[in-house]
Amino acid sequence: MSEPAFSALKEKVALITGGSSGIGAATAHALADKGARVVIGYHQGASRAERLLAELPGTGHRAVQIILEDSATIDRAAETIHESYGRADILVNSAGFTRVIPVADLDALTDEIMDAILIANVRGTFAVIRAMAPLLRESGAGVVVNVSSIAAFTGLGSSIAYCAAKAALDVITTSLGRALAPQIRVLSVSPGPVATDFVPGRDRAALENLAQRTPMKRVVEPDEVAAAILACVTHLKMSTGTRIIVDGGTHL
């Protein structure tokens, strides 16, 4: 690894929610590879977060618990980052969850499931942005990247609730892209199906089958989504309030 590449984000501080696995973990590697100090936000994956910390290049990394349904834990995480680093430059919102519920099965999508998905994916993400905004604003060149989904605009996904949650997240991206400029840029990265265990019951064989029906005919890997997130941070300096699609053409 060349020194210029490693130092591209030297001294920058990045918080990644849902950072202990999947797209979040791949993003932690991508940002640490560029010299950032990475804060891994986890809910129940403390041991995964610790293992990931041991793998990351560079120094100054740490893990904090963030429970999206509990804004007090979010506020404490922001305070911990302020006390530990005195700054924050990058926020990647990768945390969330879904349930697989057929679109036509309206009764299966109960109020409780709807509320849980919306709170975790929408309210919780907004609460993280709200808590981190003062530090990102002080950076003068802060960036928020929300991990959304093509489900937001195709209406096809694990459940109607998940599609609605990601559509709401994209609207938040647009609204805050306007409201937080010029000190903070806000972007969505919208993957199609990705090779993670995020969707319960969707294995590699199912992903390969889906991929054969796309223009690119291969499965989207977590590090490819992480590369798009990295590009949002390092290269797309005049982009805000919009989405970057990473789906191999699935939405076409």
Protein backbone atom coordinates (compact mmCIF):
# COMPACT_ATOMS: atom_id res chain seq x y z
CA MET A 1 0.00 0.00 0.00
CA SER A 2 1.47 3.34 -1.00
CA GLU A 3 1.84 6.04 1.64
CA PRO A 4 -0.26 8.63 -0.27
CA ALA A 5 -3.14 6.13 -0.48
CA PHE A 6 -2.89 5.23 3.19
CA SER A 7 -2.76 8.85 4.32
CA ALA A 8 -5.70 10.11 2.23
CA LEU A 9 -7.89 10.25 5.36
CA LYS A 10 -5.13 10.60 7.94
CA GLU A 11 -6.39 11.99 11.27
CA LYS A 12 -10.02 11.84 10.09
CA VAL A 13 -12.51 10.19 12.43
CA ALA A 14 -15.28 8.00 11.06
CA LEU A 15 -18.25 6.50 12.90
CA ILE A 16 -19.87 3.48 11.23
CA THR A 17 -23.14 2.25 12.68
CA GLY A 18 -23.69 -1.43 12.09
CA GLY A 19 -19.96 -1.51 11.67
CA SER A 20 -19.24 -4.98 13.01
CA SER A 21 -20.46 -6.99 10.02
CA GLY A 22 -21.53 -6.92 6.38
CA ILE A 23 -21.32 -3.62 4.53
CA GLY A 24 -20.36 -1.82 7.73
CA ALA A 25 -17.33 -4.04 8.35
CA ALA A 26 -16.21 -3.74 4.72
CA THR A 27 -16.49 0.03 5.04
CA ALA A 28 -14.44 -0.01 8.24
CA HIS A 29 -11.64 -1.75 6.33
CA ALA A 30 -11.92 0.67 3.40
CA LEU A 31 -11.73 3.79 5.58
CA ALA A 32 -8.97 2.42 7.84
CA ASP A 33 -6.97 1.48 4.73
CA LYS A 34 -7.01 5.19 3.84
CA GLY A 35 -5.77 6.22 7.27
CA ALA A 36 -9.02 7.09 9.07
CA ARG A 37 -9.55 6.35 12.74
CA VAL A 38 -12.65 4.18 12.76
CA VAL A 39 -15.31 3.98 15.46
CA ILE A 40 -17.31 0.79 15.06
CA GLY A 41 -20.88 1.19 16.25
CA TYR A 42 -22.47 -2.12 17.25
CA HIS A 43 -25.71 -3.23 18.90
CA GLN A 44 -25.21 -6.81 20.12
CA GLY A 45 -22.06 -7.67 18.17
CA ALA A 46 -19.46 -6.63 20.75
CA SER A 47 -17.25 -9.67 20.12
CA ARG A 48 -17.45 -9.19 16.33
CA ALA A 49 -16.53 -5.54 16.78
CA GLU A 50 -13.49 -6.45 18.88
CA ARG A 51 -12.31 -8.98 16.31
CA LEU A 52 -12.70 -6.41 13.56
CA LEU A 53 -10.74 -3.83 15.53
CA ALA A 54 -7.83 -6.26 15.72
CA GLU A 55 -7.85 -6.63 11.93
CA LEU A 56 -7.91 -2.95 10.97
CA PRO A 57 -4.73 -1.26 9.78
CA GLY A 58 -3.59 1.88 11.54
CA THR A 59 -4.28 3.01 15.10
CA GLY A 60 -6.84 4.92 17.11
CA HIS A 61 -9.81 2.69 16.37
CA ARG A 62 -12.46 1.82 18.95
CA ALA A 63 -15.95 0.35 19.34
CA VAL A 64 -19.05 1.88 20.92
CA GLN A 65 -22.49 0.45 21.55
CA ILE A 66 -25.29 2.13 19.61
CA ILE A 67 -28.86 0.90 19.97
CA LEU A 68 -30.92 2.59 17.29
CA GLU A 69 -34.12 2.27 19.30
CA ASP A 70 -32.49 4.01 22.30
CA SER A 71 -31.44 7.58 21.56
CA ALA A 72 -29.65 7.81 24.91
CA THR A 73 -27.06 5.29 23.70
CA ILE A 74 -26.66 7.31 20.51
CA ASP A 75 -26.06 10.52 22.47
CA ARG A 76 -23.55 8.73 24.72
CA ALA A 77 -21.67 7.45 21.68
CA ALA A 78 -21.42 10.99 20.29
CA GLU A 79 -20.12 12.20 23.65
CA THR A 80 -17.55 9.39 23.74
CA ILE A 81 -16.30 10.33 20.28
CA HIS A 82 -16.04 13.98 21.30
CA GLU A 83 -14.13 13.10 24.47
CA SER A 84 -11.83 10.58 22.74
CA TYR A 85 -11.05 12.43 19.51
CA GLY A 86 -12.41 15.95 19.78
CA ARG A 87 -13.74 15.67 16.24
CA ALA A 88 -15.74 13.62 13.73
CA ASP A 89 -15.49 13.90 9.97
CA ILE A 90 -17.37 10.93 8.53
CA LEU A 91 -20.60 9.19 9.51
CA VAL A 92 -21.71 6.02 7.75
CA ASN A 93 -25.17 4.80 8.71
CA SER A 94 -25.10 1.10 7.90
CA ALA A 95 -27.17 -0.26 10.79
CA GLY A 96 -30.72 -1.51 10.45
CA PHE A 97 -32.75 -4.66 10.06
CA THR A 98 -35.57 -6.20 8.08
CA ARG A 99 -38.03 -9.07 8.07
CA VAL A 100 -39.00 -11.13 5.03
CA ILE A 101 -42.74 -10.65 4.52
CA PRO A 102 -44.44 -11.20 1.16
CA VAL A 103 -45.82 -7.93 -0.20
CA ALA A 104 -49.33 -9.31 -0.64
CA ASP A 105 -49.53 -10.69 2.91
CA LEU A 106 -50.86 -7.56 4.56
CA ASP A 107 -51.85 -9.29 7.79
CA ALA A 108 -48.32 -10.60 8.35
CA LEU A 109 -46.97 -7.05 8.43
CA THR A 110 -48.21 -6.24 11.91
CA ASP A 111 -48.10 -2.84 13.57
CA GLU A 112 -45.29 -4.10 15.80
CA ILE A 113 -43.10 -5.22 12.89
CA MET A 114 -43.83 -2.03 10.94
CA ASP A 115 -42.91 0.13 13.93
CA ALA A 116 -39.73 -1.83 14.65
CA ILE A 117 -38.46 -1.58 11.06
CA LEU A 118 -39.28 2.12 10.75
CA ILE A 119 -37.74 3.00 14.11
CA ALA A 120 -34.50 1.10 13.45
CA ASN A 121 -34.01 2.22 9.86
CA VAL A 122 -35.45 5.74 9.92
CA ARG A 123 -35.81 7.28 13.37
CA GLY A 124 -32.65 5.67 14.66
CA THR A 125 -30.59 6.79 11.69
CA PHE A 126 -31.93 10.32 11.99
CA ALA A 127 -31.09 10.31 15.70
CA VAL A 128 -27.49 9.35 14.91
CA ILE A 129 -27.19 12.18 12.38
CA ARG A 130 -28.74 14.62 14.87
CA ALA A 131 -26.31 13.59 17.61
CA MET A 132 -23.24 13.72 15.36
CA ALA A 133 -24.13 16.89 13.42
CA PRO A 134 -22.34 19.33 15.78
CA LEU A 135 -19.04 17.47 15.46
CA LEU A 136 -19.43 17.00 11.70
CA ARG A 137 -20.27 20.68 11.31
CA GLU A 138 -17.13 21.69 13.20
CA SER A 139 -15.11 19.59 10.76
CA GLY A 140 -16.11 22.02 8.02
CA ALA A 141 -16.07 19.18 5.50
CA GLY A 142 -18.17 16.54 7.19
CA VAL A 143 -19.93 13.83 5.23
CA VAL A 144 -22.82 11.52 6.05
CA VAL A 145 -23.37 8.41 3.94
CA ASN A 146 -26.64 6.59 4.53
CA VAL A 147 -26.74 2.99 3.36
CA SER A 148 -30.12 2.82 1.64
CA SER A 149 -31.42 0.33 -0.92
CA ILE A 150 -32.87 0.21 -4.40
CA ALA A 151 -35.99 -1.05 -2.59
CA ALA A 152 -36.62 2.62 -1.81
CA PHE A 153 -37.55 3.38 -5.41
CA THR A 154 -38.38 -0.01 -6.91
CA GLY A 155 -40.84 -1.06 -4.19
CA LEU A 156 -39.29 -4.53 -4.36
CA GLY A 157 -37.58 -5.86 -1.28
CA SER A 158 -37.87 -8.00 1.81
CA SER A 159 -41.05 -6.25 2.95
CA ILE A 160 -43.20 -3.19 2.33
CA ALA A 161 -41.97 -1.79 5.63
CA TYR A 162 -38.35 -2.05 4.52
CA CYS A 163 -39.12 -0.40 1.17
CA ALA A 164 -40.92 2.42 2.99
CA ALA A 165 -38.09 2.83 5.50
CA LYS A 166 -35.45 3.18 2.81
CA ALA A 167 -37.63 5.58 0.82
CA ALA A 168 -37.91 7.70 3.96
CA LEU A 169 -34.15 7.51 4.43
CA ASP A 170 -33.60 8.80 0.89
CA VAL A 171 -35.91 11.75 1.60
CA ILE A 172 -33.93 12.47 4.78
CA THR A 173 -30.78 12.43 2.65
CA THR A 174 -32.27 14.98 0.26
CA SER A 175 -33.63 17.21 3.01
CA LEU A 176 -30.45 17.20 5.07
CA GLY A 177 -28.28 17.60 1.99
CA ARG A 178 -29.95 20.98 1.69
CA ALA A 179 -30.20 21.81 5.39
CA LEU A 180 -26.67 20.89 6.50
CA ALA A 181 -24.72 22.36 3.58
CA PRO A 182 -22.11 23.61 3.07
CA GLN A 183 -20.37 22.21 6.17
CA ILE A 184 -21.82 18.69 5.81
CA ARG A 185 -22.56 16.67 2.67
CA VAL A 186 -25.24 13.96 2.88
CA LEU A 187 -25.47 11.08 0.43
CA SER A 188 -27.24 7.74 0.09
CA VAL A 189 -25.58 4.64 -1.31
CA SER A 190 -28.27 2.32 -2.66
CA PRO A 191 -27.24 -1.31 -3.16
CA GLY A 192 -29.25 -4.10 -4.70
CA PRO A 193 -29.01 -7.55 -3.09
CA VAL A 194 -25.58 -7.87 -1.46
CA ALA A 195 -23.66 -10.96 -0.38
CA THR A 196 -24.27 -10.57 3.36
CA ASP A 197 -26.55 -12.28 5.87
CA PHE A 198 -28.68 -9.13 6.25
CA VAL A 199 -31.84 -10.68 4.79
CA PRO A 200 -32.78 -13.79 6.81
CA GLY A 201 -32.97 -16.93 4.69
CA ARG A 202 -31.33 -15.47 1.59
CA ASP A 203 -28.28 -17.62 0.85
CA ARG A 204 -25.57 -17.37 -1.81
CA ALA A 205 -27.46 -19.63 -4.21
CA ALA A 206 -30.47 -17.31 -4.08
CA LEU A 207 -28.22 -14.31 -4.71
CA GLU A 208 -26.56 -16.00 -7.68
CA ASN A 209 -29.97 -16.78 -9.13
CA LEU A 210 -31.05 -13.15 -8.75
CA ALA A 211 -27.80 -11.93 -10.28
CA GLN A 212 -28.34 -13.89 -13.48
CA ARG A 213 -31.36 -11.69 -14.18
CA THR A 214 -29.34 -8.46 -13.95
CA PRO A 215 -27.31 -6.73 -16.68
CA MET A 216 -23.99 -7.34 -14.88
CA LYS A 217 -24.90 -10.96 -14.03
CA ARG A 218 -22.95 -11.18 -10.81
CA VAL A 219 -23.58 -10.70 -7.11
CA VAL A 220 -22.77 -7.37 -5.48
CA GLU A 221 -20.08 -7.89 -2.82
CA PRO A 222 -19.82 -5.85 0.42
CA ASP A 223 -16.46 -4.37 -0.55
CA GLU A 224 -18.00 -2.98 -3.75
CA VAL A 225 -20.58 -1.09 -1.72
CA ALA A 226 -17.79 0.03 0.63
CA ALA A 227 -15.87 1.35 -2.38
CA ALA A 228 -18.87 3.49 -3.33
CA ILE A 229 -19.08 4.80 0.23
CA LEU A 230 -15.37 5.63 0.13
CA ALA A 231 -15.88 7.47 -3.16
CA CYS A 232 -18.61 9.55 -1.53
CA VAL A 233 -16.15 10.56 1.16
CA THR A 234 -13.02 11.15 -0.90
CA HIS A 235 -14.07 12.04 -4.45
CA LEU A 236 -17.67 13.21 -4.80
CA LYS A 237 -16.98 16.54 -3.14
CA MET A 238 -19.65 18.39 -5.13
CA SER A 239 -22.39 15.81 -4.58
CA THR A 240 -24.97 16.05 -1.81
CA GLY A 241 -28.60 15.19 -1.24
CA THR A 242 -28.58 12.42 -3.83
CA ARG A 243 -28.09 8.66 -4.14
CA ILE A 244 -25.40 6.47 -5.65
CA ILE A 245 -26.72 3.16 -6.97
CA VAL A 246 -24.61 0.01 -6.63
CA ASP A 247 -26.71 -2.85 -7.94
CA GLY A 248 -25.21 -4.26 -11.14
CA GLY A 249 -28.15 -2.78 -13.03
CA THR A 250 -30.80 -4.67 -11.02
CA HIS A 251 -33.19 -1.72 -11.10
CA LEU A 252 -33.10 -1.41 -14.91
